[in-house]
Amino acid sequence: MSEKKNGGFGEIANLIVVLGLITLICALLLGAVNQVTAPKIAENQKATRDAAMAEIIPGAEFTDLETTVAGDKTTPAITGVYEATVGGETVGYCVEVTPSGFGGTLTMIVGINADGTVAGAKVNSHGETPGLGAKSQSDWINQYAGMPADGSLAVTKDGGTVTPITGATITSRAVTLGVNTAANYVASLG
């Protein structure tokens, strides 16, 4: 009597079925976790954005203009525009932009005053190198406040007046591009 050896097609089919079931279960679990955490993540992002706007243009009330503008290879996307008012008078705008840095996309808020100057900027999230590009969230970014919001800002290495972060010129250029993008958009509002 001869024994038939297992290990052929049947064993491979069993492994495929088991791996498929494991993958399906993991996907369902990840979907469930996403359903639970997505609203909280969105709430936290909104709170971070609102705090940044309040810091950049203090005392203002913000109205969401429900505006988004797709980005391209040279211009970052605009993911939100907020009109800042004090006593019913428009004092400026805050624009949420997403320029690409060295390690990925930065999400930042840029405030533009009604007088054509930069009110300030703040990087809310990034994927930059810890210790270098992460300095975009330090006091370094305060240098933009008061600069002209004419879309012409550049880092000193490119002939401009913005002092880049030492060792993180790509991040500095990305932040500057974000400020210029916000300034150009606000200028287009008339």
Protein backbone atom coordinates (compact mmCIF):
# COMPACT_ATOMS: atom_id res chain seq x y z
CA MET A 1 0.00 0.00 0.00
CA SER A 2 1.40 3.36 -0.92
CA GLU A 3 0.69 6.57 0.94
CA LYS A 4 -0.18 9.60 -1.06
CA LYS A 5 2.04 12.55 -0.13
CA ASN A 6 0.35 15.79 0.89
CA GLY A 7 2.07 18.99 0.03
CA GLY A 8 0.87 19.52 -3.47
CA PHE A 9 -1.82 21.83 -4.72
CA GLY A 10 -4.23 21.09 -1.84
CA GLU A 11 -1.84 22.32 0.84
CA ILE A 12 -1.10 25.51 -1.11
CA ALA A 13 -4.83 26.12 -1.56
CA ASN A 14 -5.35 25.70 2.21
CA LEU A 15 -2.60 28.25 2.92
CA ILE A 16 -4.15 30.72 0.47
CA VAL A 17 -7.56 30.35 2.11
CA VAL A 18 -6.11 30.82 5.62
CA LEU A 19 -4.05 33.85 4.60
CA GLY A 20 -7.06 35.30 2.80
CA LEU A 21 -9.20 34.93 5.92
CA ILE A 22 -6.53 36.51 8.11
CA THR A 23 -6.25 39.42 5.66
CA LEU A 24 -10.03 39.87 5.57
CA ILE A 25 -10.28 39.88 9.38
CA CYS A 26 -7.43 42.39 9.68
CA ALA A 27 -9.02 44.66 7.06
CA LEU A 28 -12.37 44.54 8.87
CA LEU A 29 -10.69 45.34 12.19
CA LEU A 30 -8.77 48.27 10.67
CA GLY A 31 -11.98 49.57 9.11
CA ALA A 32 -13.75 49.38 12.47
CA VAL A 33 -10.92 51.17 14.25
CA ASN A 34 -10.96 53.87 11.55
CA GLN A 35 -14.72 54.35 11.99
CA VAL A 36 -14.20 54.91 15.71
CA THR A 37 -11.11 57.15 15.52
CA ALA A 38 -11.77 59.23 12.36
CA PRO A 39 -14.21 61.67 14.00
CA LYS A 40 -11.84 62.25 16.94
CA ILE A 41 -8.88 62.81 14.60
CA ALA A 42 -10.91 65.34 12.58
CA GLU A 43 -11.98 67.07 15.81
CA ASN A 44 -8.35 67.30 16.99
CA GLN A 45 -7.20 68.68 13.62
CA LYS A 46 -9.93 71.33 13.74
CA ALA A 47 -8.97 72.31 17.29
CA THR A 48 -5.29 72.58 16.28
CA ARG A 49 -6.22 74.70 13.25
CA ASP A 50 -8.51 76.96 15.28
CA ALA A 51 -5.83 77.47 17.94
CA ALA A 52 -3.26 78.36 15.27
CA MET A 53 -5.60 80.91 13.69
CA ALA A 54 -6.38 82.47 17.08
CA GLU A 55 -2.64 82.77 17.74
CA ILE A 56 -1.88 84.30 14.35
CA ILE A 57 -4.74 86.85 14.33
CA PRO A 58 -5.72 87.25 18.01
CA GLY A 59 -9.21 88.46 18.91
CA ALA A 60 -10.69 87.69 15.50
CA GLU A 61 -13.72 85.60 14.67
CA PHE A 62 -13.20 83.22 11.76
CA THR A 63 -15.66 82.30 9.04
CA ASP A 64 -14.95 79.25 6.91
CA LEU A 65 -15.22 80.30 3.27
CA GLU A 66 -15.42 76.59 2.37
CA THR A 67 -12.68 76.98 -0.21
CA THR A 68 -10.19 74.42 -1.45
CA VAL A 69 -7.76 74.76 -4.32
CA ALA A 70 -5.97 71.77 -5.80
CA GLY A 71 -2.21 71.95 -5.87
CA ASP A 72 0.17 71.03 -8.66
CA LYS A 73 3.90 70.43 -9.05
CA THR A 74 4.79 74.04 -8.26
CA THR A 75 1.99 75.22 -5.98
CA PRO A 76 0.75 73.51 -2.80
CA ALA A 77 -2.91 72.76 -2.26
CA ILE A 78 -5.08 75.11 -0.24
CA THR A 79 -7.29 73.07 2.07
CA GLY A 80 -9.16 75.91 3.75
CA VAL A 81 -9.64 79.67 3.72
CA TYR A 82 -11.02 81.53 6.75
CA GLU A 83 -12.02 85.18 6.87
CA ALA A 84 -10.91 86.94 10.06
CA THR A 85 -13.20 89.67 11.35
CA VAL A 86 -13.12 91.96 14.36
CA GLY A 87 -16.30 93.90 15.12
CA GLY A 88 -17.75 92.88 11.75
CA GLU A 89 -14.79 94.28 9.81
CA THR A 90 -12.49 92.02 7.81
CA VAL A 91 -8.98 92.27 9.25
CA GLY A 92 -7.42 89.46 7.24
CA TYR A 93 -7.55 85.82 6.24
CA CYS A 94 -6.07 82.57 7.44
CA VAL A 95 -5.21 80.04 4.75
CA GLU A 96 -4.43 76.37 5.36
CA VAL A 97 -1.82 75.19 2.85
CA THR A 98 0.04 71.91 2.36
CA PRO A 99 3.48 72.43 0.79
CA SER A 100 5.87 69.50 0.30
CA GLY A 101 9.01 69.52 2.43
CA PHE A 102 11.97 67.18 2.65
CA GLY A 103 10.15 64.41 4.52
CA GLY A 104 6.63 64.86 3.18
CA THR A 105 3.74 67.26 3.34
CA LEU A 106 3.56 70.08 5.87
CA THR A 107 0.17 71.35 6.99
CA MET A 108 0.37 74.99 7.92
CA ILE A 109 -1.81 78.00 8.64
CA VAL A 110 -0.78 81.35 7.17
CA GLY A 111 -2.38 84.59 8.27
CA ILE A 112 -2.54 87.51 5.86
CA ASN A 113 -3.52 90.93 7.19
CA ALA A 114 -5.89 93.21 5.28
CA ASP A 115 -3.01 95.72 4.98
CA GLY A 116 -1.03 93.32 2.78
CA THR A 117 1.40 91.96 5.35
CA VAL A 118 1.87 88.48 6.74
CA ALA A 119 0.19 88.21 10.14
CA GLY A 120 2.12 85.03 10.90
CA ALA A 121 2.43 81.36 10.09
CA LYS A 122 2.32 78.12 12.01
CA VAL A 123 3.16 74.56 10.99
CA ASN A 124 0.53 72.24 12.49
CA SER A 125 1.92 68.94 11.23
CA HIS A 126 4.87 67.67 9.22
CA GLY A 127 6.97 64.65 8.39
CA GLU A 128 10.28 66.46 8.48
CA THR A 129 13.54 65.25 9.99
CA PRO A 130 13.46 65.45 13.82
CA GLY A 131 15.86 68.10 15.05
CA LEU A 132 16.22 69.83 11.67
CA GLY A 133 13.06 70.29 9.63
CA ALA A 134 11.05 70.01 12.83
CA LYS A 135 12.44 73.45 13.72
CA SER A 136 9.78 74.81 11.37
CA GLN A 137 7.54 74.65 14.44
CA SER A 138 9.96 76.71 16.54
CA ASP A 139 10.30 80.48 16.95
CA TRP A 140 12.08 80.44 13.57
CA ILE A 141 8.71 80.78 11.84
CA ASN A 142 7.96 84.08 13.61
CA GLN A 143 10.22 85.91 11.13
CA TYR A 144 7.41 85.86 8.54
CA ALA A 145 5.17 88.13 10.64
CA GLY A 146 5.22 91.64 9.21
CA MET A 147 6.80 90.65 5.89
CA PRO A 148 5.05 91.80 2.71
CA ALA A 149 2.33 89.41 1.53
CA ASP A 150 3.09 89.93 -2.13
CA GLY A 151 4.05 86.36 -3.01
CA SER A 152 7.71 87.20 -3.55
CA LEU A 153 9.30 85.89 -0.36
CA ALA A 154 12.38 83.68 -0.75
CA VAL A 155 15.09 82.25 1.49
CA THR A 156 18.44 84.04 1.52
CA LYS A 157 20.07 81.23 -0.49
CA ASP A 158 17.63 82.13 -3.28
CA GLY A 159 18.22 85.90 -2.99
CA GLY A 160 15.42 86.62 -0.52
CA THR A 161 15.18 87.84 3.04
CA VAL A 162 13.94 84.70 4.83
CA THR A 163 16.69 83.17 6.96
CA PRO A 164 16.49 79.40 6.40
CA ILE A 165 16.77 76.78 9.11
CA THR A 166 20.40 75.66 9.20
CA GLY A 167 20.64 72.27 7.51
CA ALA A 168 16.97 72.32 6.46
CA THR A 169 16.81 74.57 3.42
CA ILE A 170 14.21 72.37 1.70
CA THR A 171 11.86 72.72 4.66
CA SER A 172 12.51 76.48 4.79
CA ARG A 173 11.68 76.76 1.09
CA ALA A 174 8.51 74.72 1.61
CA VAL A 175 7.30 76.98 4.43
CA THR A 176 8.12 80.06 2.33
CA LEU A 177 6.22 78.57 -0.61
CA GLY A 178 3.26 78.00 1.70
CA VAL A 179 3.34 81.64 2.82
CA ASN A 180 3.60 82.85 -0.80
CA THR A 181 0.74 80.59 -1.89
CA ALA A 182 -1.50 81.96 0.86
CA ALA A 183 -0.51 85.54 0.01
CA ASN A 184 -1.20 85.05 -3.69
CA TYR A 185 -4.60 83.50 -2.97
CA VAL A 186 -5.65 86.32 -0.63
CA ALA A 187 -4.47 88.90 -3.21
CA SER A 188 -6.71 87.20 -5.78
CA LEU A 189 -9.74 87.83 -3.54
CA GLY A 190 -9.43 91.51 -4.39
